[in-house]
Amino acid sequence: MEVTELVVYGSYIRGAEELGDLDLACKLWPKIEDADERKKKFIQHWRDAGAARVLAGFEIRWPYDEVMAFLKNRRRTISLHDMDDFI
């Protein structure tokens, strides 16, 4: 997945005196267009990592969750949202 759009909104944009968190809306797009190829890469990634088995359907949500976790980087001051939530 790659970030194609990123929007800052909320109290930061409104110029609030106190900021609770930084609201970011992200639009992600798969780096690999072909769904079958993405699935193969996903399974290979988990096998390389030593996973005994891969749960069915996990490959659909996993890339999105990984990118969002990377962007958030364990910071409580960042609130990440899907672009659909923003719109």
C-alpha atoms as a PDB file:
ATOM      1  CA  MET A   1       0.000   0.000   0.000  1.00  0.00           C
ATOM      2  CA  GLU A   2       1.076   3.550  -0.576  1.00  0.00           C
ATOM      3  CA  VAL A   3      -0.323   6.845   0.637  1.00  0.00           C
ATOM      4  CA  THR A   4      -1.895   8.723  -2.277  1.00  0.00           C
ATOM      5  CA  GLU A   5      -3.594  11.505  -0.283  1.00  0.00           C
ATOM      6  CA  LEU A   6      -3.148  12.899   3.194  1.00  0.00           C
ATOM      7  CA  VAL A   7      -5.357  15.597   4.721  1.00  0.00           C
ATOM      8  CA  VAL A   8      -4.872  17.386   8.030  1.00  0.00           C
ATOM      9  CA  TYR A   9      -8.130  18.507   9.624  1.00  0.00           C
ATOM     10  CA  GLY A  10      -9.768  19.158  12.973  1.00  0.00           C
ATOM     11  CA  SER A  11      -8.600  21.401  15.803  1.00  0.00           C
ATOM     12  CA  TYR A  12      -5.158  21.934  14.238  1.00  0.00           C
ATOM     13  CA  ILE A  13      -6.673  23.544  11.128  1.00  0.00           C
ATOM     14  CA  ARG A  14      -9.229  25.515  13.139  1.00  0.00           C
ATOM     15  CA  GLY A  15      -6.346  27.040  15.120  1.00  0.00           C
ATOM     16  CA  ALA A  16      -7.491  25.820  18.532  1.00  0.00           C
ATOM     17  CA  GLU A  17      -5.422  27.041  21.486  1.00  0.00           C
ATOM     18  CA  GLU A  18      -5.109  23.506  22.870  1.00  0.00           C
ATOM     19  CA  LEU A  19      -4.619  20.519  20.608  1.00  0.00           C
ATOM     20  CA  GLY A  20      -5.778  17.105  21.761  1.00  0.00           C
ATOM     21  CA  ASP A  21      -4.401  15.265  18.766  1.00  0.00           C
ATOM     22  CA  LEU A  22      -3.533  15.696  15.116  1.00  0.00           C
ATOM     23  CA  ASP A  23      -6.329  14.403  12.880  1.00  0.00           C
ATOM     24  CA  LEU A  24      -5.099  12.925   9.607  1.00  0.00           C
ATOM     25  CA  ALA A  25      -7.199  11.375   6.849  1.00  0.00           C
ATOM     26  CA  CYS A  26      -5.331   8.975   4.563  1.00  0.00           C
ATOM     27  CA  LYS A  27      -6.134   7.470   1.206  1.00  0.00           C
ATOM     28  CA  LEU A  28      -4.169   4.308   0.499  1.00  0.00           C
ATOM     29  CA  TRP A  29      -3.749   2.492  -2.785  1.00  0.00           C
ATOM     30  CA  PRO A  30      -2.230  -0.948  -3.405  1.00  0.00           C
ATOM     31  CA  LYS A  31       1.258  -0.931  -4.885  1.00  0.00           C
ATOM     32  CA  ILE A  32       0.429  -4.198  -6.662  1.00  0.00           C
ATOM     33  CA  GLU A  33      -2.670  -3.766  -8.829  1.00  0.00           C
ATOM     34  CA  ASP A  34      -3.368  -7.451  -9.521  1.00  0.00           C
ATOM     35  CA  ALA A  35      -5.288  -9.038  -6.606  1.00  0.00           C
ATOM     36  CA  ASP A  36      -3.862 -12.526  -7.218  1.00  0.00           C
ATOM     37  CA  GLU A  37      -0.311 -11.193  -7.262  1.00  0.00           C
ATOM     38  CA  ARG A  38      -0.974  -9.266  -4.018  1.00  0.00           C
ATOM     39  CA  LYS A  39      -2.240 -12.453  -2.384  1.00  0.00           C
ATOM     40  CA  LYS A  40       0.855 -14.397  -3.497  1.00  0.00           C
ATOM     41  CA  LYS A  41       3.142 -11.664  -2.086  1.00  0.00           C
ATOM     42  CA  PHE A  42       1.195 -11.643   1.166  1.00  0.00           C
ATOM     43  CA  ILE A  43       1.456 -15.413   1.627  1.00  0.00           C
ATOM     44  CA  GLN A  44       5.150 -15.354   0.743  1.00  0.00           C
ATOM     45  CA  HIS A  45       5.742 -12.567   3.287  1.00  0.00           C
ATOM     46  CA  TRP A  46       4.139 -14.590   6.078  1.00  0.00           C
ATOM     47  CA  ARG A  47       5.973 -17.795   5.094  1.00  0.00           C
ATOM     48  CA  ASP A  48       9.278 -15.913   5.073  1.00  0.00           C
ATOM     49  CA  ALA A  49       8.403 -14.631   8.545  1.00  0.00           C
ATOM     50  CA  GLY A  50       7.980 -18.220   9.749  1.00  0.00           C
ATOM     51  CA  ALA A  51       4.214 -18.369  10.034  1.00  0.00           C
ATOM     52  CA  ALA A  52       2.927 -21.944  10.092  1.00  0.00           C
ATOM     53  CA  ARG A  53      -0.316 -20.946   8.408  1.00  0.00           C
ATOM     54  CA  VAL A  54      -2.082 -17.871   7.108  1.00  0.00           C
ATOM     55  CA  LEU A  55      -5.669 -17.112   8.083  1.00  0.00           C
ATOM     56  CA  ALA A  56      -8.084 -16.948   5.160  1.00  0.00           C
ATOM     57  CA  GLY A  57      -9.125 -13.413   4.278  1.00  0.00           C
ATOM     58  CA  PHE A  58      -6.430 -11.801   6.416  1.00  0.00           C
ATOM     59  CA  GLU A  59      -4.573 -10.580   3.334  1.00  0.00           C
ATOM     60  CA  ILE A  60      -7.398  -8.184   2.469  1.00  0.00           C
ATOM     61  CA  ARG A  61      -7.104  -5.929   5.541  1.00  0.00           C
ATOM     62  CA  TRP A  62      -3.522  -6.602   6.622  1.00  0.00           C
ATOM     63  CA  PRO A  63      -1.653  -4.230   4.227  1.00  0.00           C
ATOM     64  CA  TYR A  64      -3.939  -1.333   5.183  1.00  0.00           C
ATOM     65  CA  ASP A  65      -3.487  -1.994   8.909  1.00  0.00           C
ATOM     66  CA  GLU A  66       0.305  -2.258   8.537  1.00  0.00           C
ATOM     67  CA  VAL A  67       0.610   1.086   6.746  1.00  0.00           C
ATOM     68  CA  MET A  68      -1.689   2.835   9.234  1.00  0.00           C
ATOM     69  CA  ALA A  69       0.306   1.424  12.173  1.00  0.00           C
ATOM     70  CA  PHE A  70       3.540   2.615  10.547  1.00  0.00           C
ATOM     71  CA  LEU A  71       2.150   6.118  10.017  1.00  0.00           C
ATOM     72  CA  LYS A  72       0.817   6.313  13.563  1.00  0.00           C
ATOM     73  CA  ASN A  73       4.143   5.074  14.961  1.00  0.00           C
ATOM     74  CA  ARG A  74       2.638   4.467  18.452  1.00  0.00           C
ATOM     75  CA  ARG A  75       1.921   8.154  18.934  1.00  0.00           C
ATOM     76  CA  ARG A  76      -1.167   8.957  20.979  1.00  0.00           C
ATOM     77  CA  THR A  77      -1.111  12.474  19.552  1.00  0.00           C
ATOM     78  CA  ILE A  78      -1.910  11.271  16.027  1.00  0.00           C
ATOM     79  CA  SER A  79      -5.438  10.213  15.100  1.00  0.00           C
ATOM     80  CA  LEU A  80      -5.555   8.419  11.739  1.00  0.00           C
ATOM     81  CA  HIS A  81      -8.729   8.064   9.720  1.00  0.00           C
ATOM     82  CA  ASP A  82      -9.716   6.676   6.370  1.00  0.00           C
ATOM     83  CA  MET A  83     -10.367   9.307   3.705  1.00  0.00           C
ATOM     84  CA  ASP A  84     -14.007   8.163   3.603  1.00  0.00           C
ATOM     85  CA  ASP A  85     -14.364   9.197   7.275  1.00  0.00           C
ATOM     86  CA  PHE A  86     -13.085  12.668   6.400  1.00  0.00           C
ATOM     87  CA  ILE A  87     -15.364  13.195   3.419  1.00  0.00           C
END
